[in-house]
Amino acid sequence: MGKKVKVIGVNMIPFTKPGAHEPYEVMAAKAVKGALEDAGIDYSEIQQAYASYVYGDSTCGQRALYQVGMTGIPIFNINNNCSSGSNALFLARQAVESGAVECALAVGFEEMKPGALKSHWDDRTPATGWLQDRLKELWPEVPQAPNAIRLFGSAGKEYLEKYGANPDIFAKVSVKTRNHAVQNPYSLFTQTLTVEEVMSAPELMPKLTRLMACPPTCGAAAAIVCSEEFAKKHGISNAVEIVAQALTTDMNISHDNILNLVGADMTRRAAKQVYEEAGIGPDEVDVLELHDCFTPNEVITYESLGICEEGGAEKLINDGDNTYGGKVVVNPSGGLMSKGHPIGATGLAQCTELVWQLRGQAQKRQVENARVALHHNLGLGGACVVTMYRVG
C-alpha cells in the first residue's frame, strides 16, 4: 500500500459561454491561486504539476502555470478527451501515493468554440473514427449528426429499446439537474425546466433534444493533493481523502454494443476496481458527480456505477432516488448539463464540488451528512476515471 492521499485545496472559476471568457492562462492562474489559498500553502510547496486541456498547443500548461510562478518543477500536459481533468488528478494522486512527491497540483482549463465538438485536425487519422465506424456497423441507418451527438443519441435509443423504458426519463434527468443548478452560483444555467419543455425542444437525434445536451463552455479548475504527513505538518484539518481511484480504457467488449461504445463497460470496470479497493460499495455513496454530457449518459451511468440494477434506472428516476431525500444525490452542482463542460476543466470542477460537499461548504445545495462521494469522468476514444472520496 502507498501513502494516503489527501485533497487539501480546490477551486474553480465560473464557466462562461465561448466568447465571454478570459484567456486560458488567466483562467487557469485564477483557479490555481484559489486552490493554493484554499489549502493555505504557497506555490513553492508544489513539487509536480499536471495540466489538462484539449484545445491548445504544446506546453499550454507551462504558459498557464508560469502566471503563478516559475519554480522549475516538472509540468506535464495531458489530453485524454473529456476525462482530461480527472486524468491530471489521477497522475497527481499517483505521484503522491507512490512517495515520489509530497504535494502535487492538477489544473484543467479550456477555451472552446460555440457549437458541437469537432476535431481541429482534418489532415490525419481521426482518433475517434473507429467509434463512428463501429456505430455504423451496429446501426446502419444511424442519422447524420456531429460525432458526440450521434454516439450518445444512438446509445440513448439503444437503452430505451433494450429495457422498454419511457423516453421521458431523459427529460426527467434534465429537470432534476436544472433544479440542482438553481442552487449553485457557479452554474451557467439556473432557469428551471419542465419535462414538456425538454421533450419539445429541437431534436438533435431521435429521442434526444437540445435540452438533453450540455453546452460548450470555457473555464478552469484546480486541485492540490498531498500526503497525510504533509497535511499534518501544515496543520490542515479539512482535508478530504481519496480512498480509491481507477482509470480504464477500452477493451474488445467495447465493440459489441452502442452502450459500450460510449463508455458503459469502461465505467463498469473502473467502478468495480474502486469499490474493491475502497471496501465501500455503491449503497454507501452519499453524493455523486457523474459525466452527464448528455442525459442519456447519466441514465446509462447509473447502472454502470451500480447505483441501481441493470434496467433499473427508470425506477430510480421516477422514485426520486437520484436527488435530495433519495438514495444518492446525483450532480448537486447541476452537472455538465447546467454548469457547462470546458473539457479540460470538467473533471477537476467535479472534484471541487465533491470536496466542498464533504467539507460541508456547498451552501444551499449541501447534501446532508455527506461522508462518501463518488466521481465519474469519461472521455471517448477512450478513458474513464472513477474516484472515491471520504471525509478525511
Protein backbone atom coordinates (compact mmCIF):
# COMPACT_ATOMS: atom_id res chain seq x y z
CA MET A 1 0.00 0.00 0.00
CA GLY A 2 1.21 3.50 -0.81
CA LYS A 3 0.73 6.67 1.15
CA LYS A 4 -2.72 8.03 1.93
CA VAL A 5 -3.57 10.92 -0.37
CA LYS A 6 -5.49 13.99 0.73
CA VAL A 7 -7.11 16.75 -1.26
CA ILE A 8 -6.25 19.95 0.59
CA GLY A 9 -7.13 22.71 -1.84
CA VAL A 10 -9.69 23.12 -4.62
CA ASN A 11 -11.09 25.93 -6.70
CA MET A 12 -12.94 26.63 -9.91
CA ILE A 13 -13.92 29.80 -11.70
CA PRO A 14 -17.48 30.19 -13.01
CA PHE A 15 -17.71 28.75 -16.50
CA THR A 16 -18.77 31.02 -19.35
CA LYS A 17 -20.03 30.71 -22.89
CA PRO A 18 -17.41 30.89 -25.65
CA GLY A 19 -16.56 34.49 -26.42
CA ALA A 20 -17.28 35.69 -22.88
CA HIS A 21 -14.18 34.13 -21.34
CA GLU A 22 -10.71 35.33 -20.35
CA PRO A 23 -7.58 33.81 -21.94
CA TYR A 24 -6.88 30.25 -20.80
CA GLU A 25 -3.74 31.22 -18.88
CA VAL A 26 -5.64 33.85 -16.91
CA MET A 27 -8.47 31.44 -16.04
CA ALA A 28 -6.03 28.71 -15.06
CA ALA A 29 -3.91 31.01 -12.90
CA LYS A 30 -7.02 32.20 -11.04
CA ALA A 31 -8.08 28.62 -10.39
CA VAL A 32 -4.64 27.64 -9.11
CA LYS A 33 -4.25 30.70 -6.89
CA GLY A 34 -7.66 29.99 -5.39
CA ALA A 35 -6.72 26.37 -4.70
CA LEU A 36 -3.47 27.46 -3.06
CA GLU A 37 -5.36 29.93 -0.88
CA ASP A 38 -7.87 27.22 0.00
CA ALA A 39 -5.04 24.89 1.02
CA GLY A 40 -3.18 27.63 2.86
CA ILE A 41 0.13 26.87 1.18
CA ASP A 42 2.49 28.67 -1.19
CA TYR A 43 3.12 27.63 -4.78
CA SER A 44 6.72 26.85 -3.79
CA GLU A 45 5.37 23.81 -1.89
CA ILE A 46 4.11 22.22 -5.13
CA GLN A 47 6.59 19.61 -6.36
CA GLN A 48 4.87 18.48 -9.58
CA ALA A 49 2.02 19.84 -11.69
CA TYR A 50 -0.32 18.24 -14.21
CA ALA A 51 -2.18 20.46 -16.66
CA SER A 52 -5.15 19.17 -18.67
CA TYR A 53 -6.66 20.68 -21.80
CA VAL A 54 -7.77 19.52 -25.25
CA TYR A 55 -7.85 22.57 -27.49
CA GLY A 56 -4.39 24.10 -27.29
CA ASP A 57 -0.78 23.91 -28.37
CA SER A 58 2.00 22.06 -26.62
CA THR A 59 3.15 23.45 -23.25
CA CYS A 60 -0.04 25.41 -22.58
CA GLY A 61 0.35 24.02 -19.07
CA GLN A 62 3.63 25.87 -18.64
CA ARG A 63 2.15 29.05 -20.12
CA ALA A 64 -0.68 28.90 -17.60
CA LEU A 65 1.34 27.94 -14.53
CA TYR A 66 4.10 30.44 -15.24
CA GLN A 67 1.47 33.06 -14.37
CA VAL A 68 1.54 31.64 -10.84
CA GLY A 69 5.27 31.01 -10.52
CA MET A 70 8.36 29.69 -12.24
CA THR A 71 9.85 27.26 -9.76
CA GLY A 72 11.46 24.73 -12.11
CA ILE A 73 9.17 21.84 -11.18
CA PRO A 74 8.05 19.15 -13.67
CA ILE A 75 4.90 20.22 -15.52
CA PHE A 76 3.02 17.60 -17.55
CA ASN A 77 0.50 18.40 -20.28
CA ILE A 78 -2.44 15.97 -20.56
CA ASN A 79 -5.09 15.38 -23.22
CA ASN A 80 -7.42 12.40 -22.77
CA ASN A 81 -10.51 13.99 -24.26
CA CYS A 82 -13.36 14.84 -21.87
CA SER A 83 -11.75 12.92 -18.98
CA SER A 84 -8.55 15.01 -19.11
CA GLY A 85 -9.12 16.79 -15.80
CA SER A 86 -9.55 13.55 -13.89
CA ASN A 87 -6.51 12.10 -15.67
CA ALA A 88 -4.50 15.01 -14.27
CA LEU A 89 -5.88 14.28 -10.81
CA PHE A 90 -5.10 10.56 -11.25
CA LEU A 91 -1.46 11.29 -12.04
CA ALA A 92 -1.08 13.82 -9.23
CA ARG A 93 -2.60 11.34 -6.78
CA GLN A 94 -0.38 8.55 -8.10
CA ALA A 95 2.77 10.68 -7.66
CA VAL A 96 1.91 11.34 -4.02
CA GLU A 97 0.72 7.82 -3.25
CA SER A 98 3.95 6.35 -4.64
CA GLY A 99 6.06 8.61 -2.47
CA ALA A 100 7.66 10.35 -5.45
CA VAL A 101 6.43 13.72 -4.11
CA GLU A 102 4.65 15.04 -1.04
CA CYS A 103 2.47 17.62 -2.78
CA ALA A 104 1.19 17.88 -6.36
CA LEU A 105 -1.16 20.10 -8.35
CA ALA A 106 -3.73 19.26 -11.01
CA VAL A 107 -5.17 22.10 -13.09
CA GLY A 108 -7.56 21.93 -16.01
CA PHE A 109 -8.65 24.65 -18.42
CA GLU A 110 -10.29 25.08 -21.78
CA GLU A 111 -11.17 27.71 -24.36
CA MET A 112 -13.93 26.29 -26.52
CA LYS A 113 -15.81 27.46 -29.58
CA PRO A 114 -19.60 27.61 -30.00
CA GLY A 115 -21.41 24.57 -31.34
CA ALA A 116 -20.81 20.83 -31.28
CA LEU A 117 -17.38 19.37 -30.57
CA LYS A 118 -15.18 18.76 -33.58
CA SER A 119 -11.60 17.88 -34.35
CA HIS A 120 -9.18 20.60 -35.39
CA TRP A 121 -7.06 18.05 -37.28
CA ASP A 122 -8.56 17.03 -40.62
CA ASP A 123 -5.30 16.01 -42.30
CA ARG A 124 -4.70 12.77 -40.34
CA THR A 125 -6.45 9.69 -38.96
CA PRO A 126 -9.22 10.80 -36.57
CA ALA A 127 -8.63 9.42 -33.07
CA THR A 128 -12.28 8.51 -32.52
CA GLY A 129 -13.01 7.46 -36.10
CA TRP A 130 -13.17 3.80 -35.08
CA LEU A 131 -16.15 4.61 -32.85
CA GLN A 132 -18.08 6.11 -35.75
CA ASP A 133 -17.17 3.18 -38.00
CA ARG A 134 -18.39 0.66 -35.43
CA LEU A 135 -21.55 2.68 -34.76
CA LYS A 136 -22.37 2.49 -38.47
CA GLU A 137 -21.95 -1.28 -38.35
CA LEU A 138 -24.22 -1.58 -35.31
CA TRP A 139 -26.86 0.80 -36.69
CA PRO A 140 -26.51 1.09 -40.48
CA GLU A 141 -29.33 3.68 -40.69
CA VAL A 142 -27.86 5.95 -38.00
CA PRO A 143 -28.77 9.59 -38.80
CA GLN A 144 -26.10 12.12 -39.65
CA ALA A 145 -25.12 14.38 -36.75
CA PRO A 146 -21.98 15.73 -35.08
CA ASN A 147 -19.94 12.85 -33.70
CA ALA A 148 -20.65 13.12 -29.95
CA ILE A 149 -24.37 13.78 -30.51
CA ARG A 150 -24.54 10.82 -32.86
CA LEU A 151 -22.88 8.43 -30.42
CA PHE A 152 -24.75 9.40 -27.26
CA GLY A 153 -28.05 9.81 -29.09
CA SER A 154 -27.64 6.32 -30.53
CA ALA A 155 -26.78 4.93 -27.10
CA GLY A 156 -29.90 6.52 -25.65
CA LYS A 157 -32.03 4.92 -28.35
CA GLU A 158 -30.42 1.52 -27.72
CA TYR A 159 -31.04 1.84 -23.97
CA LEU A 160 -34.74 2.62 -24.44
CA GLU A 161 -35.18 -0.30 -26.82
CA LYS A 162 -33.24 -2.74 -24.63
CA TYR A 163 -35.20 -2.04 -21.45
CA GLY A 164 -38.51 -0.73 -22.81
CA ALA A 165 -38.10 2.49 -20.83
CA ASN A 166 -40.17 5.62 -21.37
CA PRO A 167 -38.20 8.27 -23.33
CA ASP A 168 -39.28 10.87 -20.78
CA ILE A 169 -36.62 9.57 -18.35
CA PHE A 170 -34.00 11.59 -20.23
CA ALA A 171 -36.13 14.71 -19.83
CA LYS A 172 -36.72 14.00 -16.14
CA VAL A 173 -32.96 13.88 -15.61
CA SER A 174 -32.63 17.29 -17.30
CA VAL A 175 -35.31 18.69 -14.99
CA LYS A 176 -33.67 17.21 -11.88
CA THR A 177 -30.27 18.52 -12.86
CA ARG A 178 -31.54 22.03 -13.56
CA ASN A 179 -33.35 22.08 -10.21
CA HIS A 180 -29.99 21.40 -8.56
CA ALA A 181 -28.25 24.08 -10.65
CA VAL A 182 -30.61 26.77 -9.34
CA GLN A 183 -28.80 26.49 -6.01
CA ASN A 184 -25.28 26.74 -7.48
CA PRO A 185 -23.75 30.18 -8.05
CA TYR A 186 -21.14 28.51 -10.29
CA SER A 187 -23.74 27.15 -12.70
CA LEU A 188 -24.14 28.67 -16.14
CA PHE A 189 -27.85 27.82 -16.44
CA THR A 190 -30.13 28.43 -13.46
CA GLN A 191 -33.59 28.53 -15.00
CA THR A 192 -35.80 25.57 -14.08
CA LEU A 193 -37.24 23.32 -16.77
CA THR A 194 -40.31 21.13 -17.18
CA VAL A 195 -40.45 17.71 -18.77
CA GLU A 196 -42.65 19.16 -21.50
CA GLU A 197 -40.13 21.90 -22.30
CA VAL A 198 -37.30 19.39 -22.57
CA MET A 199 -39.27 16.95 -24.71
CA SER A 200 -40.48 19.65 -27.10
CA ALA A 201 -37.06 21.28 -27.60
CA PRO A 202 -35.44 20.94 -31.05
CA GLU A 203 -34.43 17.35 -31.72
CA LEU A 204 -30.74 16.53 -32.25
CA MET A 205 -31.27 12.79 -32.71
CA PRO A 206 -34.29 10.51 -32.20
CA LYS A 207 -35.32 10.83 -28.51
CA LEU A 208 -32.52 13.36 -27.88
CA THR A 209 -33.37 17.07 -27.71
CA ARG A 210 -31.21 20.14 -27.27
CA LEU A 211 -32.16 20.39 -23.58
CA MET A 212 -30.68 16.95 -23.00
CA ALA A 213 -27.21 18.11 -24.15
CA CYS A 214 -24.56 20.06 -22.26
CA PRO A 215 -23.30 23.42 -23.57
CA PRO A 216 -19.73 24.14 -24.74
CA THR A 217 -18.13 26.42 -22.18
CA CYS A 218 -14.81 27.91 -21.13
CA GLY A 219 -13.25 27.81 -17.68
CA ALA A 220 -10.71 26.36 -15.30
CA ALA A 221 -10.48 24.37 -12.07
CA ALA A 222 -7.68 23.07 -9.86
CA ALA A 223 -6.99 20.64 -7.03
CA ILE A 224 -3.99 20.17 -4.75
CA VAL A 225 -3.21 16.73 -3.32
CA CYS A 226 -0.65 15.75 -0.72
CA SER A 227 0.43 13.03 1.65
CA GLU A 228 -1.13 12.64 5.09
CA GLU A 229 2.20 13.67 6.61
CA PHE A 230 2.30 16.89 4.55
CA ALA A 231 -1.22 17.79 5.66
CA LYS A 232 -0.36 17.22 9.32
CA LYS A 233 2.86 19.21 9.03
CA HIS A 234 0.92 22.19 7.66
CA GLY A 235 -1.90 21.92 10.19
CA ILE A 236 -4.55 21.24 7.55
CA SER A 237 -7.66 19.90 9.26
CA ASN A 238 -10.28 19.93 6.50
CA ALA A 239 -8.56 17.55 4.06
CA VAL A 240 -10.62 15.06 2.06
CA GLU A 241 -9.15 11.62 1.41
CA ILE A 242 -9.00 9.95 -1.99
CA VAL A 243 -9.92 6.45 -0.86
CA ALA A 244 -9.63 4.76 -4.25
CA GLN A 245 -9.25 5.69 -7.90
CA ALA A 246 -9.21 3.79 -11.19
CA LEU A 247 -8.55 4.70 -14.82
CA THR A 248 -9.73 2.34 -17.54
CA THR A 249 -9.61 2.30 -21.34
CA ASP A 250 -11.48 0.30 -23.97
CA MET A 251 -11.38 -3.47 -24.32
CA ASN A 252 -12.65 -5.63 -27.18
CA ILE A 253 -16.01 -5.88 -25.44
CA SER A 254 -16.38 -2.16 -26.15
CA HIS A 255 -17.21 -3.07 -29.75
CA ASP A 256 -20.24 -5.26 -29.09
CA ASN A 257 -23.00 -2.68 -28.50
CA ILE A 258 -23.55 1.06 -28.58
CA LEU A 259 -23.80 1.42 -24.80
CA ASN A 260 -20.23 0.14 -24.53
CA LEU A 261 -19.12 2.41 -27.36
CA VAL A 262 -19.98 5.40 -25.12
CA GLY A 263 -18.16 4.03 -22.10
CA ALA A 264 -20.57 1.79 -20.18
CA ASP A 265 -18.03 -1.03 -19.96
CA MET A 266 -15.12 1.28 -19.10
CA THR A 267 -17.24 2.77 -16.33
CA ARG A 268 -18.32 -0.63 -15.01
CA ARG A 269 -14.73 -1.88 -14.76
CA ALA A 270 -13.43 1.34 -13.18
CA ALA A 271 -16.22 1.34 -10.60
CA LYS A 272 -15.58 -2.30 -9.73
CA GLN A 273 -11.91 -1.57 -9.10
CA VAL A 274 -12.75 1.39 -6.89
CA TYR A 275 -15.34 -0.43 -4.79
CA GLU A 276 -12.98 -3.36 -4.26
CA GLU A 277 -10.01 -1.14 -3.37
CA ALA A 278 -12.03 1.06 -1.03
CA GLY A 279 -14.03 -1.71 0.59
CA ILE A 280 -17.02 0.62 0.17
CA GLY A 281 -19.94 -0.23 -2.09
CA PRO A 282 -22.29 1.95 -4.15
CA ASP A 283 -25.01 1.76 -1.47
CA GLU A 284 -22.75 3.74 0.86
CA VAL A 285 -22.23 6.66 -1.55
CA ASP A 286 -23.97 9.85 -0.39
CA VAL A 287 -23.19 12.18 -3.27
CA LEU A 288 -22.16 11.58 -6.87
CA GLU A 289 -20.86 13.81 -9.64
CA LEU A 290 -21.04 11.94 -12.95
CA HIS A 291 -20.30 12.79 -16.56
CA ASP A 292 -23.69 13.91 -17.90
CA CYS A 293 -22.56 15.33 -21.23
CA PHE A 294 -25.97 14.12 -22.45
CA THR A 295 -28.75 12.99 -20.13
CA PRO A 296 -28.85 9.52 -21.74
CA ASN A 297 -25.30 9.08 -20.49
CA GLU A 298 -26.37 9.88 -16.95
CA VAL A 299 -29.04 7.19 -17.18
CA ILE A 300 -26.60 4.63 -18.59
CA THR A 301 -24.00 5.52 -15.96
CA TYR A 302 -26.34 4.90 -13.00
CA GLU A 303 -26.26 1.23 -13.91
CA SER A 304 -22.57 1.05 -14.82
CA LEU A 305 -21.69 2.52 -11.41
CA GLY A 306 -24.01 0.09 -9.63
CA ILE A 307 -26.25 2.83 -8.24
CA CYS A 308 -29.17 0.73 -9.45
CA GLU A 309 -29.58 -2.68 -11.02
CA GLU A 310 -29.37 -3.21 -14.78
CA GLY A 311 -32.53 -1.82 -16.34
CA GLY A 312 -33.43 -0.13 -13.06
CA ALA A 313 -32.66 3.49 -13.97
CA GLU A 314 -36.29 4.31 -14.84
CA LYS A 315 -37.48 3.29 -11.37
CA LEU A 316 -34.58 5.15 -9.72
CA ILE A 317 -35.54 8.32 -11.58
CA ASN A 318 -39.30 8.02 -11.07
CA ASP A 319 -38.82 7.32 -7.34
CA GLY A 320 -36.65 10.43 -6.95
CA ASP A 321 -33.73 8.35 -5.71
CA ASN A 322 -31.24 10.43 -7.71
CA THR A 323 -31.87 13.67 -5.83
CA TYR A 324 -32.21 15.15 -2.34
CA GLY A 325 -34.11 12.89 0.02
CA GLY A 326 -33.44 9.86 -2.18
CA LYS A 327 -30.84 7.13 -2.36
CA VAL A 328 -27.97 9.30 -3.64
CA VAL A 329 -27.78 12.92 -4.76
CA VAL A 330 -26.51 12.92 -8.35
CA ASN A 331 -24.85 16.08 -9.70
CA PRO A 332 -25.80 18.55 -6.98
CA SER A 333 -23.66 21.07 -8.87
CA GLY A 334 -26.06 20.97 -11.82
CA GLY A 335 -23.62 18.74 -13.66
CA LEU A 336 -22.17 19.33 -17.09
CA MET A 337 -25.72 19.90 -18.31
CA SER A 338 -26.12 23.12 -16.33
CA LYS A 339 -22.67 24.11 -15.11
CA GLY A 340 -21.05 23.62 -18.50
CA HIS A 341 -18.36 21.38 -19.93
CA PRO A 342 -14.99 23.06 -20.63
CA ILE A 343 -13.37 19.75 -21.46
CA GLY A 344 -10.00 20.04 -19.73
CA ALA A 345 -11.51 21.57 -16.58
CA THR A 346 -14.55 19.34 -16.13
CA GLY A 347 -13.03 16.56 -14.02
CA LEU A 348 -11.41 19.00 -11.63
CA ALA A 349 -14.60 21.04 -11.30
CA GLN A 350 -16.37 17.81 -10.33
CA CYS A 351 -13.63 17.16 -7.76
CA THR A 352 -14.06 20.69 -6.41
CA GLU A 353 -17.81 20.23 -5.94
CA LEU A 354 -17.36 16.95 -4.09
CA VAL A 355 -14.68 18.33 -1.79
CA TRP A 356 -16.99 21.23 -0.93
CA GLN A 357 -19.80 18.75 -0.26
CA LEU A 358 -17.69 16.60 2.06
CA ARG A 359 -16.44 19.67 3.92
CA GLY A 360 -20.00 20.95 4.35
CA GLN A 361 -19.24 24.05 2.25
CA ALA A 362 -21.81 23.61 -0.54
CA GLN A 363 -24.26 26.16 0.89
CA LYS A 364 -27.85 25.79 -0.35
CA ARG A 365 -27.06 22.64 -2.34
CA GLN A 366 -25.37 20.88 0.59
CA VAL A 367 -26.09 17.15 0.81
CA GLU A 368 -26.92 16.44 4.44
CA ASN A 369 -24.34 14.37 6.33
CA ALA A 370 -22.29 13.67 3.19
CA ARG A 371 -19.43 11.36 4.15
CA VAL A 372 -18.64 9.37 0.97
CA ALA A 373 -18.53 10.84 -2.54
CA LEU A 374 -18.10 9.23 -5.96
CA HIS A 375 -16.74 10.94 -9.07
CA HIS A 376 -17.12 9.73 -12.68
CA ASN A 377 -15.43 11.40 -15.66
CA LEU A 378 -15.50 9.92 -19.16
CA GLY A 379 -13.58 10.58 -22.38
CA LEU A 380 -14.45 8.79 -25.60
CA GLY A 381 -11.60 7.32 -27.52
CA GLY A 382 -11.22 6.46 -24.63
CA ALA A 383 -10.66 6.77 -20.92
CA CYS A 384 -12.82 6.65 -17.81
CA VAL A 385 -11.79 7.74 -14.31
CA VAL A 386 -13.78 6.83 -11.22
CA THR A 387 -12.68 8.31 -7.89
CA MET A 388 -14.00 7.81 -4.37
CA TYR A 389 -13.55 10.40 -1.65
CA ARG A 390 -14.48 10.45 2.00
CA VAL A 391 -14.24 12.86 4.88
CA GLY A 392 -10.58 12.62 5.84
